[in-house]
Structure formats: structure tokens, C-alpha cells
């Protein structure tokens, strides 16, 4: 009897797991993001600080954006929608790196 109650409680939670999962970066996109980001950031801060900031930014994108949104942001052929770009910049702005 107790096991039945446990399953009744656990089943809805198991169905919600995909909704809370992190977005997957498209193949090669995270490496490309890190290369571009570190390259650009290294022009104004040292490479270590640049890498820390870019890693934080990549983690923010992974947790706050869907795979489709990440694909739009990383698409080099078309400019992502302004609203999506602004949201990404706002979310990444929380990355504070210790110098």
C-alpha cells in the first residue's frame, strides 16, 4: 500500500523533469561561443578573467534559454531578434568575475 502511494507521488514529478532540464547546446556551439567570447573579452581583461566571465555567460545561456534560442543566438548567418539579444545580454550581465 505504501509503495502505491509513493508511485502516485513520484509519477507526476517524473513527468516534470524534462521541463526543468537544462537546454542542450547545439553541436560545437558552446566551443564556438567560448572561443569568440574569450577572444573578444581578452582585448580588455586578462585571459583568465575573460575565460571566467565567458564560462559564466555560457552557463547562464544553458540554464535560462532553450536550445532553439541558443541556436538563434549562435546563428552567424542571421541576426537574432532584438528582444532575444537584449534578454541574453541582460541575463549574462549578472556574471561578476573576481579580478
C-alpha atoms as a PDB file:
ATOM      1  CA  UNK A   1       0.000   0.000   0.000  1.00  0.00           C
ATOM      2  CA  UNK A   2       2.776   2.478   0.881  1.00  0.00           C
ATOM      3  CA  UNK A   3       4.593   1.721  -2.355  1.00  0.00           C
ATOM      4  CA  UNK A   4       1.475   2.569  -4.359  1.00  0.00           C
ATOM      5  CA  UNK A   5       1.286   5.970  -2.653  1.00  0.00           C
ATOM      6  CA  UNK A   6       4.960   6.563  -3.368  1.00  0.00           C
ATOM      7  CA  UNK A   7       4.461   5.811  -7.062  1.00  0.00           C
ATOM      8  CA  UNK A   8       1.396   8.043  -7.167  1.00  0.00           C
ATOM      9  CA  UNK A   9       3.507  10.877  -5.759  1.00  0.00           C
ATOM     10  CA  UNK A  10       6.616  10.221  -7.871  1.00  0.00           C
ATOM     11  CA  UNK A  11       4.926   9.794 -11.269  1.00  0.00           C
ATOM     12  CA  UNK A  12       3.879  13.457 -11.704  1.00  0.00           C
ATOM     13  CA  UNK A  13       7.335  14.591 -10.578  1.00  0.00           C
ATOM     14  CA  UNK A  14       8.976  12.334 -13.148  1.00  0.00           C
ATOM     15  CA  UNK A  15       6.821  13.881 -15.859  1.00  0.00           C
ATOM     16  CA  UNK A  16       8.004  17.363 -14.876  1.00  0.00           C
ATOM     17  CA  UNK A  17      11.725  16.519 -15.127  1.00  0.00           C
ATOM     18  CA  UNK A  18      12.030  17.367 -18.838  1.00  0.00           C
ATOM     19  CA  UNK A  19      10.608  20.822 -18.133  1.00  0.00           C
ATOM     20  CA  UNK A  20      13.344  21.573 -15.624  1.00  0.00           C
ATOM     21  CA  UNK A  21      16.200  20.131 -17.663  1.00  0.00           C
ATOM     22  CA  UNK A  22      18.872  22.460 -18.975  1.00  0.00           C
ATOM     23  CA  UNK A  23      18.992  23.301 -22.652  1.00  0.00           C
ATOM     24  CA  UNK A  24      21.492  21.449 -24.752  1.00  0.00           C
ATOM     25  CA  UNK A  25      23.981  23.471 -26.757  1.00  0.00           C
ATOM     26  CA  UNK A  26      23.904  22.606 -30.458  1.00  0.00           C
ATOM     27  CA  UNK A  27      26.942  20.569 -31.541  1.00  0.00           C
ATOM     28  CA  UNK A  28      30.068  22.731 -31.459  1.00  0.00           C
ATOM     29  CA  UNK A  29      28.160  25.882 -30.488  1.00  0.00           C
ATOM     30  CA  UNK A  30      29.467  26.092 -26.921  1.00  0.00           C
ATOM     31  CA  UNK A  31      33.073  25.758 -28.087  1.00  0.00           C
ATOM     32  CA  UNK A  32      32.480  28.430 -30.746  1.00  0.00           C
ATOM     33  CA  UNK A  33      30.857  30.710 -28.156  1.00  0.00           C
ATOM     34  CA  UNK A  34      33.764  30.275 -25.751  1.00  0.00           C
ATOM     35  CA  UNK A  35      36.364  30.914 -28.474  1.00  0.00           C
ATOM     36  CA  UNK A  36      34.649  34.075 -29.702  1.00  0.00           C
ATOM     37  CA  UNK A  37      33.839  35.340 -26.219  1.00  0.00           C
ATOM     38  CA  UNK A  38      37.312  34.768 -24.760  1.00  0.00           C
ATOM     39  CA  UNK A  39      38.892  36.316 -27.849  1.00  0.00           C
ATOM     40  CA  UNK A  40      36.777  39.452 -27.558  1.00  0.00           C
ATOM     41  CA  UNK A  41      36.995  39.750 -23.762  1.00  0.00           C
ATOM     42  CA  UNK A  42      40.772  39.214 -23.749  1.00  0.00           C
ATOM     43  CA  UNK A  43      41.157  42.540 -25.522  1.00  0.00           C
ATOM     44  CA  UNK A  44      40.087  44.379 -22.372  1.00  0.00           C
ATOM     45  CA  UNK A  45      40.906  41.970 -19.485  1.00  0.00           C
ATOM     46  CA  UNK A  46      43.455  39.238 -18.923  1.00  0.00           C
ATOM     47  CA  UNK A  47      42.768  35.799 -20.410  1.00  0.00           C
ATOM     48  CA  UNK A  48      41.950  34.200 -17.044  1.00  0.00           C
ATOM     49  CA  UNK A  49      39.275  36.768 -16.219  1.00  0.00           C
ATOM     50  CA  UNK A  50      37.935  36.555 -19.769  1.00  0.00           C
ATOM     51  CA  UNK A  51      37.590  32.777 -19.528  1.00  0.00           C
ATOM     52  CA  UNK A  52      35.797  33.010 -16.157  1.00  0.00           C
ATOM     53  CA  UNK A  53      33.332  35.579 -17.489  1.00  0.00           C
ATOM     54  CA  UNK A  54      32.673  33.619 -20.680  1.00  0.00           C
ATOM     55  CA  UNK A  55      32.165  30.368 -18.758  1.00  0.00           C
ATOM     56  CA  UNK A  56      29.621  32.135 -16.567  1.00  0.00           C
ATOM     57  CA  UNK A  57      27.881  33.504 -19.659  1.00  0.00           C
ATOM     58  CA  UNK A  58      27.756  30.058 -21.265  1.00  0.00           C
ATOM     59  CA  UNK A  59      26.252  28.611 -18.088  1.00  0.00           C
ATOM     60  CA  UNK A  60      23.634  31.368 -17.974  1.00  0.00           C
ATOM     61  CA  UNK A  61      22.648  30.708 -21.576  1.00  0.00           C
ATOM     62  CA  UNK A  62      22.441  26.993 -20.867  1.00  0.00           C
ATOM     63  CA  UNK A  63      20.166  27.415 -17.862  1.00  0.00           C
ATOM     64  CA  UNK A  64      17.993  30.357 -18.904  1.00  0.00           C
ATOM     65  CA  UNK A  65      17.492  29.734 -22.634  1.00  0.00           C
ATOM     66  CA  UNK A  66      16.046  26.925 -24.716  1.00  0.00           C
ATOM     67  CA  UNK A  67      18.101  25.030 -27.268  1.00  0.00           C
ATOM     68  CA  UNK A  68      16.189  26.837 -30.028  1.00  0.00           C
ATOM     69  CA  UNK A  69      17.001  30.236 -28.501  1.00  0.00           C
ATOM     70  CA  UNK A  70      20.679  29.309 -28.204  1.00  0.00           C
ATOM     71  CA  UNK A  71      20.657  28.267 -31.872  1.00  0.00           C
ATOM     72  CA  UNK A  72      19.164  31.638 -32.831  1.00  0.00           C
ATOM     73  CA  UNK A  73      21.799  33.483 -30.802  1.00  0.00           C
ATOM     74  CA  UNK A  74      24.643  31.455 -32.301  1.00  0.00           C
ATOM     75  CA  UNK A  75      23.451  31.573 -35.922  1.00  0.00           C
ATOM     76  CA  UNK A  76      26.126  33.510 -37.814  1.00  0.00           C
ATOM     77  CA  UNK A  77      24.008  33.854 -40.963  1.00  0.00           C
ATOM     78  CA  UNK A  78      21.101  35.803 -39.472  1.00  0.00           C
ATOM     79  CA  UNK A  79      20.852  38.336 -36.693  1.00  0.00           C
ATOM     80  CA  UNK A  80      18.812  37.068 -33.731  1.00  0.00           C
ATOM     81  CA  UNK A  81      15.670  39.012 -32.817  1.00  0.00           C
ATOM     82  CA  UNK A  82      16.453  42.195 -30.873  1.00  0.00           C
ATOM     83  CA  UNK A  83      14.342  41.056 -27.914  1.00  0.00           C
ATOM     84  CA  UNK A  84      16.333  37.806 -27.648  1.00  0.00           C
ATOM     85  CA  UNK A  85      19.691  39.618 -27.911  1.00  0.00           C
ATOM     86  CA  UNK A  86      18.678  42.113 -25.218  1.00  0.00           C
ATOM     87  CA  UNK A  87      17.454  39.337 -22.925  1.00  0.00           C
ATOM     88  CA  UNK A  88      20.722  37.421 -23.392  1.00  0.00           C
ATOM     89  CA  UNK A  89      22.817  40.498 -22.603  1.00  0.00           C
ATOM     90  CA  UNK A  90      20.699  41.241 -19.534  1.00  0.00           C
ATOM     91  CA  UNK A  91      20.995  37.670 -18.237  1.00  0.00           C
ATOM     92  CA  UNK A  92      24.751  37.482 -18.882  1.00  0.00           C
ATOM     93  CA  UNK A  93      25.265  40.829 -17.127  1.00  0.00           C
ATOM     94  CA  UNK A  94      24.840  39.036 -13.784  1.00  0.00           C
ATOM     95  CA  UNK A  95      28.245  37.392 -14.309  1.00  0.00           C
ATOM     96  CA  UNK A  96      30.559  39.179 -11.914  1.00  0.00           C
ATOM     97  CA  UNK A  97      34.121  37.908 -12.097  1.00  0.00           C
ATOM     98  CA  UNK A  98      36.703  38.417  -9.373  1.00  0.00           C
ATOM     99  CA  UNK A  99      39.730  40.175 -10.851  1.00  0.00           C
END
